[in-house]
Amino acid sequence: MRVAAAALVVVLFTSGCDGGGGGSFIPGFKFKTERESYVTPTRQLSLDEYPLFHDDLNFNGMKLAIERQLTRFAEKNLSGTIQMGQRRYPLTAMKKSLEVFRQLIWEFESCSYKKISESCYQTFNQAVRSRFDIFIPDLTPDDPRYGEDKTTFFTGYHTMPVEGSARRRGPYQYPIYANPGDSRLYFTRLEIDFLGKLANRGLELMYAKSLFDIYLLHVQGSGRAILMNEDGTTTGFYLNYDGTNRKRWEWISKYMVEKGYIANGSVAAQRKFLRLNPQLHREIFSTCPSYVFMKVTGTPPLGNDSVPVTDGRSIAQDSTLYKFKGLLAYVESERPAESDFYDFEEEDYTKVEFRSFSRFFLDQDTGGAIKGKGRADIYFGEDDYAYFSSMHMRHAGNIYYMMAK
């Protein structure tokens, strides 16, 4: 679970757990040195094991992700090392890998102006084979998916969109609160949402349409606010994590399944049941005592190393195993297909259309539920597709890590 971090897998099929969340960060904090010796649980592939690399977005957005990561690397003195498989690289190789890969993107784009893209991908693959070492998770018999063709399990997360108003009116009745800054005011969710313990203290950032939207915002740890002004215009800004009430986190999905209210713990099932049964809101939401406070910012969500995550280009992995962030990765899996209409209350997983995809990412985030060598959470972004994909992305696939030779 990524409660209290920059993002979280929003598919709530998992059982309850504590609300520790992912690693906290201090925006703008600069590490003077990185002298640690990092070790990753990976093994190197031989050339004949390399996949055929192909990016389903033709690298759109990848240069932005690289520039954001290189900016972060520039703030560090990369004097440590990182071990990939049996090979040990200086941390400067992380920076070099992104610079080399950026050059390959430029060459691909230049080629695409003159030739068909498949021809350009052939050249691209030749360059990758000559300039990069490739690694995969080194699974052992105790690891999930050991011995299987698909070694990694992928879920998705997004920036939660929250429609609201600056004051309580019409459908906008539920306040989103700032941190009171006083532990004496760290009440439970029941006391905050239903007993009004923080009301009229000047802590209301905005008013949302539903308590479930606020709950999902807390799950994500950040969101994009869409303020509906009374003159018909809208104002946009970001809401980012600003602490918790220090109470334990419990998934309301677990309670709802145990009570027989819903057949599965999907977001769609929860949303539909809560919409149809407002009389049960107090009972259900009070089972999660934890409450996450927010602050208004003008910047997108940050990963756990203070790098803005990039739509469709950032992933989160287990920070105890992949501790040093910025690792270049390649993913092969399945994702929900794009559509003109997304049914956010569709409970039947089999009715969702999926399509195979392959894409390059940067490991820039982490989360409490993202555990294991072969486990990654894909950041899809801020739009309806991102929200829908985060609800339904639960697929096995493969991940490859790339280090410049």
Protein backbone atom coordinates (compact mmCIF):
# COMPACT_ATOMS: atom_id res chain seq x y z
CA MET A 1 0.00 0.00 0.00
CA ARG A 2 1.32 3.45 -0.89
CA VAL A 3 -0.69 5.46 1.65
CA ALA A 4 1.39 8.50 2.67
CA ALA A 5 3.62 8.28 -0.39
CA ALA A 6 3.55 9.89 -3.80
CA ALA A 7 1.26 7.31 -5.32
CA LEU A 8 -0.42 3.97 -4.74
CA VAL A 9 -1.84 1.06 -6.64
CA VAL A 10 -5.51 1.88 -6.60
CA VAL A 11 -6.77 -1.64 -7.25
CA LEU A 12 -7.97 -2.58 -3.78
CA PHE A 13 -8.05 -6.37 -4.02
CA THR A 14 -5.49 -6.67 -1.26
CA SER A 15 -6.37 -7.34 2.35
CA GLY A 16 -6.01 -4.82 5.13
CA CYS A 17 -2.60 -3.72 6.30
CA ASP A 18 -1.07 -0.99 8.34
CA GLY A 19 -0.75 2.46 6.87
CA GLY A 20 2.99 2.76 6.83
CA GLY A 21 3.07 3.52 3.14
CA GLY A 22 6.07 4.27 1.01
CA GLY A 23 9.17 6.21 1.86
CA SER A 24 8.65 9.86 2.73
CA PHE A 25 10.59 12.56 0.95
CA ILE A 26 11.66 16.16 1.41
CA PRO A 27 11.13 18.13 -1.83
CA GLY A 28 14.25 19.97 -2.87
CA PHE A 29 16.50 18.09 -0.47
CA LYS A 30 19.94 17.58 -2.00
CA PHE A 31 22.09 14.61 -1.12
CA LYS A 32 25.72 15.69 -0.97
CA THR A 33 27.06 12.21 -1.58
CA GLU A 34 25.87 8.76 -2.62
CA ARG A 35 28.72 6.56 -1.41
CA GLU A 36 26.64 3.49 -0.62
CA SER A 37 27.18 0.20 -2.36
CA TYR A 38 23.76 -0.76 -3.71
CA VAL A 39 22.87 -4.33 -4.65
CA THR A 40 19.95 -5.39 -6.84
CA PRO A 41 18.43 -8.91 -6.99
CA THR A 42 19.11 -9.34 -10.71
CA ARG A 43 20.95 -11.58 -13.15
CA GLN A 44 22.48 -10.66 -16.48
CA LEU A 45 21.13 -11.96 -19.80
CA SER A 46 23.25 -13.23 -22.64
CA LEU A 47 22.80 -11.52 -26.01
CA ASP A 48 20.64 -14.34 -27.33
CA GLU A 49 18.24 -13.79 -24.39
CA TYR A 50 17.63 -10.11 -25.19
CA PRO A 51 14.01 -9.31 -26.09
CA LEU A 52 13.11 -7.46 -29.28
CA PHE A 53 12.67 -3.94 -27.97
CA HIS A 54 9.68 -1.93 -29.17
CA ASP A 55 8.02 1.05 -27.48
CA ASP A 56 4.24 1.21 -27.94
CA LEU A 57 4.32 5.01 -27.56
CA ASN A 58 7.29 5.46 -29.89
CA PHE A 59 9.15 7.02 -26.93
CA ASN A 60 6.62 9.82 -26.40
CA GLY A 61 7.20 11.20 -22.90
CA MET A 62 10.38 9.23 -22.33
CA LYS A 63 12.72 12.17 -22.88
CA LEU A 64 10.78 14.18 -20.28
CA ALA A 65 11.16 11.37 -17.74
CA ILE A 66 14.88 11.17 -18.50
CA GLU A 67 15.37 14.94 -18.15
CA ARG A 68 13.60 14.93 -14.79
CA GLN A 69 15.79 12.09 -13.55
CA LEU A 70 19.01 13.65 -14.88
CA THR A 71 18.11 16.85 -13.03
CA ARG A 72 17.91 14.82 -9.83
CA PHE A 73 21.21 13.06 -10.57
CA ALA A 74 22.83 16.48 -11.03
CA GLU A 75 21.98 17.24 -7.39
CA LYS A 76 23.96 14.21 -6.24
CA ASN A 77 27.61 13.32 -6.00
CA LEU A 78 27.36 9.85 -7.52
CA SER A 79 30.42 8.36 -5.87
CA GLY A 80 28.92 5.02 -4.84
CA THR A 81 28.38 1.77 -6.73
CA ILE A 82 25.49 -0.43 -7.78
CA GLN A 83 25.64 -4.17 -8.39
CA MET A 84 23.58 -5.63 -11.21
CA GLY A 85 23.85 -9.41 -11.36
CA GLN A 86 27.52 -10.23 -10.86
CA ARG A 87 28.65 -6.89 -12.24
CA ARG A 88 29.38 -3.80 -10.19
CA TYR A 89 29.00 -0.38 -11.81
CA PRO A 90 29.83 3.09 -10.51
CA LEU A 91 26.67 5.07 -9.80
CA THR A 92 27.74 7.40 -12.58
CA ALA A 93 26.75 4.54 -14.92
CA MET A 94 23.11 5.25 -14.01
CA LYS A 95 23.50 8.76 -15.39
CA LYS A 96 25.46 7.50 -18.41
CA SER A 97 22.72 4.95 -19.17
CA LEU A 98 20.09 7.67 -19.42
CA GLU A 99 22.31 9.90 -21.53
CA VAL A 100 23.10 7.05 -23.94
CA PHE A 101 19.45 6.03 -24.12
CA ARG A 102 18.38 9.63 -24.77
CA GLN A 103 20.82 9.70 -27.68
CA LEU A 104 19.27 6.51 -29.07
CA ILE A 105 15.83 8.13 -28.89
CA TRP A 106 17.11 11.14 -30.83
CA GLU A 107 18.57 8.82 -33.45
CA PHE A 108 15.29 6.88 -33.66
CA GLU A 109 13.32 10.10 -34.11
CA SER A 110 15.71 11.29 -36.81
CA CYS A 111 15.37 7.94 -38.57
CA SER A 112 11.57 8.04 -38.35
CA TYR A 113 11.47 11.26 -40.36
CA LYS A 114 13.04 9.41 -43.28
CA LYS A 115 12.06 5.75 -42.99
CA ILE A 116 9.27 3.52 -41.73
CA SER A 117 9.46 3.00 -37.98
CA GLU A 118 10.05 -0.77 -38.17
CA SER A 119 13.29 -0.18 -40.02
CA CYS A 120 14.25 2.34 -37.36
CA TYR A 121 13.48 -0.19 -34.62
CA GLN A 122 15.90 -2.63 -36.22
CA THR A 123 18.64 -0.03 -35.98
CA PHE A 124 17.56 0.82 -32.46
CA ASN A 125 17.75 -2.82 -31.35
CA GLN A 126 21.19 -3.21 -32.83
CA ALA A 127 22.33 -0.17 -30.87
CA VAL A 128 20.84 -1.47 -27.62
CA ARG A 129 22.57 -4.83 -28.05
CA SER A 130 25.93 -3.17 -28.57
CA ARG A 131 25.64 -0.48 -25.91
CA PHE A 132 23.64 -1.97 -23.02
CA ASP A 133 23.87 -4.85 -20.59
CA ILE A 134 20.43 -6.30 -19.83
CA PHE A 135 19.29 -7.80 -16.51
CA ILE A 136 16.14 -9.44 -15.16
CA PRO A 137 14.92 -10.24 -11.62
CA ASP A 138 16.89 -13.17 -10.22
CA LEU A 139 14.06 -15.26 -8.81
CA THR A 140 14.63 -18.14 -6.40
CA PRO A 141 12.24 -20.97 -5.43
CA ASP A 142 10.82 -18.86 -2.58
CA ASP A 143 9.84 -16.02 -4.93
CA PRO A 144 6.41 -15.69 -6.61
CA ARG A 145 6.43 -16.72 -10.30
CA TYR A 146 9.71 -18.63 -9.96
CA GLY A 147 10.10 -20.89 -12.98
CA GLU A 148 7.30 -19.16 -14.88
CA ASP A 149 7.67 -17.50 -18.28
CA LYS A 150 6.31 -14.23 -16.89
CA THR A 151 8.36 -13.25 -13.88
CA THR A 152 6.88 -9.89 -12.84
CA PHE A 153 3.44 -8.82 -11.61
CA PHE A 154 2.23 -5.37 -12.67
CA THR A 155 -0.45 -3.14 -11.21
CA GLY A 156 -1.14 0.53 -11.90
CA TYR A 157 -1.58 3.83 -10.14
CA HIS A 158 -2.57 7.34 -11.18
CA THR A 159 -3.07 10.87 -9.93
CA MET A 160 -6.55 10.88 -8.45
CA PRO A 161 -8.85 13.50 -10.04
CA VAL A 162 -11.08 15.18 -7.45
CA GLU A 163 -13.85 17.52 -8.53
CA GLY A 164 -14.89 20.03 -5.91
CA SER A 165 -15.80 23.52 -4.78
CA ALA A 166 -14.10 26.15 -2.65
CA ARG A 167 -17.15 26.24 -0.39
CA ARG A 168 -19.83 23.76 0.63
CA ARG A 169 -22.65 23.92 -1.89
CA GLY A 170 -24.84 21.64 -4.00
CA PRO A 171 -23.18 18.21 -4.44
CA TYR A 172 -19.94 19.40 -2.85
CA GLN A 173 -20.48 18.55 0.81
CA TYR A 174 -17.37 16.71 1.98
CA PRO A 175 -14.29 18.67 3.12
CA ILE A 176 -10.70 17.75 2.35
CA TYR A 177 -8.56 18.87 5.26
CA ALA A 178 -5.11 20.33 5.68
CA ASN A 179 -2.89 19.09 8.48
CA PRO A 180 -3.97 20.79 11.74
CA GLY A 181 -0.36 20.74 12.95
CA ASP A 182 -1.43 19.73 16.43
CA SER A 183 -1.40 16.08 17.51
CA ARG A 184 -4.28 16.83 19.88
CA LEU A 185 -6.43 17.31 16.78
CA TYR A 186 -5.46 14.01 15.14
CA PHE A 187 -8.90 12.49 15.30
CA THR A 188 -10.08 9.27 13.62
CA ARG A 189 -11.78 9.19 10.22
CA LEU A 190 -15.12 8.69 11.99
CA GLU A 191 -14.55 11.80 14.13
CA ILE A 192 -13.36 13.87 11.17
CA ASP A 193 -15.85 12.86 8.47
CA PHE A 194 -18.97 12.21 10.54
CA LEU A 195 -18.59 14.10 13.82
CA GLY A 196 -17.04 17.27 12.38
CA LYS A 197 -14.15 17.45 14.84
CA LEU A 198 -12.02 19.55 12.45
CA ALA A 199 -14.85 21.69 11.09
CA ASN A 200 -14.70 25.49 11.22
CA ARG A 201 -10.99 25.65 12.04
CA GLY A 202 -9.97 27.04 8.66
CA LEU A 203 -8.52 23.70 7.56
CA GLU A 204 -10.91 22.99 4.67
CA LEU A 205 -8.96 23.01 1.40
CA MET A 206 -12.02 22.26 -0.74
CA TYR A 207 -15.24 20.28 -0.73
CA ALA A 208 -15.56 17.05 -2.75
CA LYS A 209 -18.58 15.18 -4.07
CA SER A 210 -18.13 11.98 -2.11
CA LEU A 211 -16.33 10.45 0.83
CA PHE A 212 -15.15 7.66 -1.46
CA ASP A 213 -13.33 10.18 -3.65
CA ILE A 214 -11.57 11.46 -0.53
CA TYR A 215 -10.77 7.93 0.60
CA LEU A 216 -9.20 7.14 -2.79
CA LEU A 217 -7.28 10.42 -2.61
CA HIS A 218 -5.89 9.20 0.71
CA VAL A 219 -5.02 5.85 -0.84
CA GLN A 220 -3.13 7.56 -3.63
CA GLY A 221 -1.45 10.10 -1.37
CA SER A 222 -1.88 12.81 -4.02
CA GLY A 223 -4.39 14.04 -6.54
CA ARG A 224 -5.37 16.64 -9.11
CA ALA A 225 -8.07 19.01 -7.88
CA ILE A 226 -10.60 20.41 -10.34
CA LEU A 227 -12.28 23.31 -8.59
CA MET A 228 -15.71 24.15 -10.08
CA ASN A 229 -16.08 27.90 -9.70
CA GLU A 230 -19.49 29.48 -9.33
CA ASP A 231 -19.03 31.49 -12.54
CA GLY A 232 -18.72 28.28 -14.56
CA THR A 233 -14.92 28.33 -14.87
CA THR A 234 -12.58 25.79 -13.33
CA THR A 235 -9.35 26.08 -11.37
CA GLY A 236 -6.80 23.29 -11.30
CA PHE A 237 -4.12 22.50 -8.76
CA TYR A 238 -2.52 19.51 -7.09
CA LEU A 239 -3.18 18.04 -3.67
CA ASN A 240 -0.19 16.29 -2.11
CA TYR A 241 0.31 14.25 1.02
CA ASP A 242 0.98 16.26 4.19
CA GLY A 243 0.94 13.71 7.00
CA THR A 244 -1.60 11.46 8.70
CA ASN A 245 -3.50 11.26 11.97
CA ARG A 246 -1.18 8.39 12.95
CA LYS A 247 -3.98 5.89 13.20
CA ARG A 248 -3.87 2.46 11.56
CA TRP A 249 -4.94 2.00 7.96
CA GLU A 250 -7.58 -0.60 7.08
CA TRP A 251 -8.99 -1.27 3.63
CA ILE A 252 -12.73 -0.65 3.56
CA SER A 253 -12.82 -3.16 0.68
CA LYS A 254 -11.85 -5.95 3.08
CA TYR A 255 -14.68 -5.05 5.45
CA MET A 256 -17.21 -4.76 2.62
CA VAL A 257 -16.28 -8.20 1.26
CA GLU A 258 -16.40 -9.79 4.73
CA LYS A 259 -19.86 -8.32 5.32
CA GLY A 260 -21.09 -9.62 1.97
CA TYR A 261 -21.78 -6.13 0.67
CA ILE A 262 -19.67 -6.71 -2.45
CA ALA A 263 -18.46 -9.85 -4.22
CA ASN A 264 -14.95 -8.56 -4.83
CA GLY A 265 -12.81 -5.72 -3.55
CA SER A 266 -12.54 -3.82 -6.82
CA VAL A 267 -12.84 -0.04 -6.85
CA ALA A 268 -15.78 -0.38 -9.22
CA ALA A 269 -17.68 -2.64 -6.80
CA GLN A 270 -16.97 -0.36 -3.87
CA ARG A 271 -18.00 2.78 -5.73
CA LYS A 272 -21.27 1.30 -6.94
CA PHE A 273 -22.27 -0.09 -3.54
CA LEU A 274 -21.45 3.13 -1.72
CA ARG A 275 -23.41 5.19 -4.24
CA LEU A 276 -26.48 2.98 -3.78
CA ASN A 277 -26.20 2.67 0.02
CA PRO A 278 -25.43 6.07 1.59
CA GLN A 279 -27.01 4.90 4.86
CA LEU A 280 -24.03 2.57 5.36
CA HIS A 281 -21.30 5.17 4.82
CA ARG A 282 -20.66 5.80 8.50
CA GLU A 283 -20.43 2.09 9.27
CA ILE A 284 -18.07 1.38 6.36
CA PHE A 285 -15.71 4.35 6.45
CA SER A 286 -15.30 4.19 10.24
CA THR A 287 -13.53 0.83 9.78
CA CYS A 288 -10.52 2.78 8.46
CA PRO A 289 -9.39 5.04 11.34
CA SER A 290 -6.48 6.49 9.37
CA TYR A 291 -6.88 9.91 7.78
CA VAL A 292 -4.44 11.54 5.36
CA PHE A 293 -4.00 15.32 5.36
CA MET A 294 -3.32 17.25 2.16
CA LYS A 295 -1.62 20.43 1.04
CA VAL A 296 -2.10 22.49 -2.13
CA THR A 297 0.81 22.53 -4.58
CA GLY A 298 1.38 23.58 -8.16
CA THR A 299 3.57 20.61 -9.04
CA PRO A 300 2.76 17.04 -10.12
CA PRO A 301 3.22 14.19 -7.63
CA LEU A 302 6.79 13.34 -6.72
CA GLY A 303 8.31 9.91 -6.48
CA ASN A 304 10.05 8.89 -3.28
CA ASP A 305 13.33 10.47 -4.45
CA SER A 306 11.72 13.86 -5.15
CA VAL A 307 11.49 13.36 -8.93
CA PRO A 308 8.15 14.25 -10.59
CA VAL A 309 6.62 11.06 -11.97
CA THR A 310 5.87 11.09 -15.70
CA ASP A 311 2.64 9.82 -17.26
CA GLY A 312 3.14 6.34 -18.63
CA ARG A 313 6.89 6.42 -17.99
CA SER A 314 7.42 5.98 -14.25
CA ILE A 315 7.17 2.80 -12.21
CA ALA A 316 7.33 2.03 -8.51
CA GLN A 317 9.29 -0.92 -7.13
CA ASP A 318 10.26 -2.39 -3.78
CA SER A 319 12.71 0.14 -2.34
CA THR A 320 14.28 -2.44 -0.06
CA LEU A 321 15.44 -4.34 -3.17
CA TYR A 322 15.75 -1.54 -5.73
CA LYS A 323 16.86 1.19 -3.40
CA PHE A 324 18.67 3.57 -5.73
CA LYS A 325 16.11 5.23 -8.00
CA GLY A 326 16.44 6.13 -11.67
CA LEU A 327 17.04 2.65 -13.08
CA LEU A 328 16.14 2.31 -16.78
CA ALA A 329 13.64 -0.50 -17.37
CA TYR A 330 11.73 -2.18 -20.19
CA VAL A 331 8.32 -3.78 -19.62
CA GLU A 332 6.33 -6.37 -21.59
CA SER A 333 2.82 -7.05 -20.31
CA GLU A 334 -0.87 -6.27 -20.96
CA ARG A 335 -2.80 -3.10 -20.20
CA PRO A 336 -6.44 -1.98 -20.54
CA ALA A 337 -7.34 -0.81 -24.03
CA GLU A 338 -8.22 2.81 -24.73
CA SER A 339 -11.91 3.60 -25.21
CA ASP A 340 -14.29 6.49 -25.83
CA PHE A 341 -16.11 5.55 -22.62
CA TYR A 342 -14.83 4.10 -19.34
CA ASP A 343 -17.30 2.48 -16.96
CA PHE A 344 -15.88 3.16 -13.52
CA GLU A 345 -18.50 0.93 -11.92
CA GLU A 346 -17.78 -2.13 -14.08
CA GLU A 347 -17.16 -4.95 -11.62
CA ASP A 348 -16.68 -7.81 -14.09
CA TYR A 349 -12.97 -7.99 -14.81
CA THR A 350 -13.61 -10.26 -17.82
CA LYS A 351 -15.50 -7.47 -19.60
CA VAL A 352 -12.43 -5.24 -19.69
CA GLU A 353 -10.51 -5.38 -22.95
CA PHE A 354 -6.74 -5.74 -22.64
CA ARG A 355 -3.96 -5.44 -25.16
CA SER A 356 -0.30 -6.43 -25.17
CA PHE A 357 2.21 -3.64 -24.84
CA SER A 358 5.91 -3.03 -24.38
CA ARG A 359 7.44 0.20 -23.15
CA PHE A 360 10.45 1.81 -21.50
CA PHE A 361 10.16 3.20 -17.97
CA LEU A 362 12.23 4.66 -15.15
CA ASP A 363 12.01 3.27 -11.63
CA GLN A 364 11.22 6.45 -9.68
CA ASP A 365 8.85 5.51 -6.90
CA THR A 366 8.01 2.91 -4.26
CA GLY A 367 5.12 1.77 -2.09
CA GLY A 368 4.32 -0.38 0.91
CA ALA A 369 2.34 -2.93 -1.14
CA ILE A 370 5.00 -3.14 -3.83
CA LYS A 371 7.03 -6.02 -2.45
CA GLY A 372 9.30 -8.53 -4.13
CA LYS A 373 11.86 -8.88 -6.89
CA GLY A 374 9.30 -9.22 -9.66
CA ARG A 375 6.77 -6.55 -8.71
CA ALA A 376 6.12 -3.14 -10.25
CA ASP A 377 3.43 -0.47 -10.18
CA ILE A 378 2.97 1.54 -13.38
CA TYR A 379 2.11 5.25 -13.17
CA PHE A 380 -0.52 5.92 -15.84
CA GLY A 381 -1.06 9.66 -15.30
CA GLU A 382 -4.05 11.91 -14.64
CA ASP A 383 -6.78 11.32 -17.23
CA ASP A 384 -9.77 8.95 -17.37
CA TYR A 385 -7.68 6.25 -19.04
CA ALA A 386 -5.16 6.48 -16.21
CA TYR A 387 -7.92 6.09 -13.62
CA PHE A 388 -9.52 3.16 -15.44
CA SER A 389 -6.18 1.43 -15.99
CA SER A 390 -5.23 1.81 -12.35
CA MET A 391 -8.48 0.10 -11.40
CA HIS A 392 -7.95 -2.91 -13.65
CA MET A 393 -4.22 -3.36 -14.26
CA ARG A 394 -3.32 -6.72 -12.69
CA HIS A 395 -1.17 -8.62 -15.16
CA ALA A 396 1.97 -10.69 -15.18
CA GLY A 397 4.71 -9.90 -17.66
CA ASN A 398 8.44 -9.33 -17.82
CA ILE A 399 10.75 -6.52 -16.81
CA TYR A 400 14.28 -5.90 -18.05
CA TYR A 401 16.83 -3.51 -16.56
CA MET A 402 19.37 -1.70 -18.71
CA MET A 403 22.86 -0.45 -17.89
CA ALA A 404 25.17 1.18 -20.40
CA LYS A 405 28.31 -0.84 -21.09
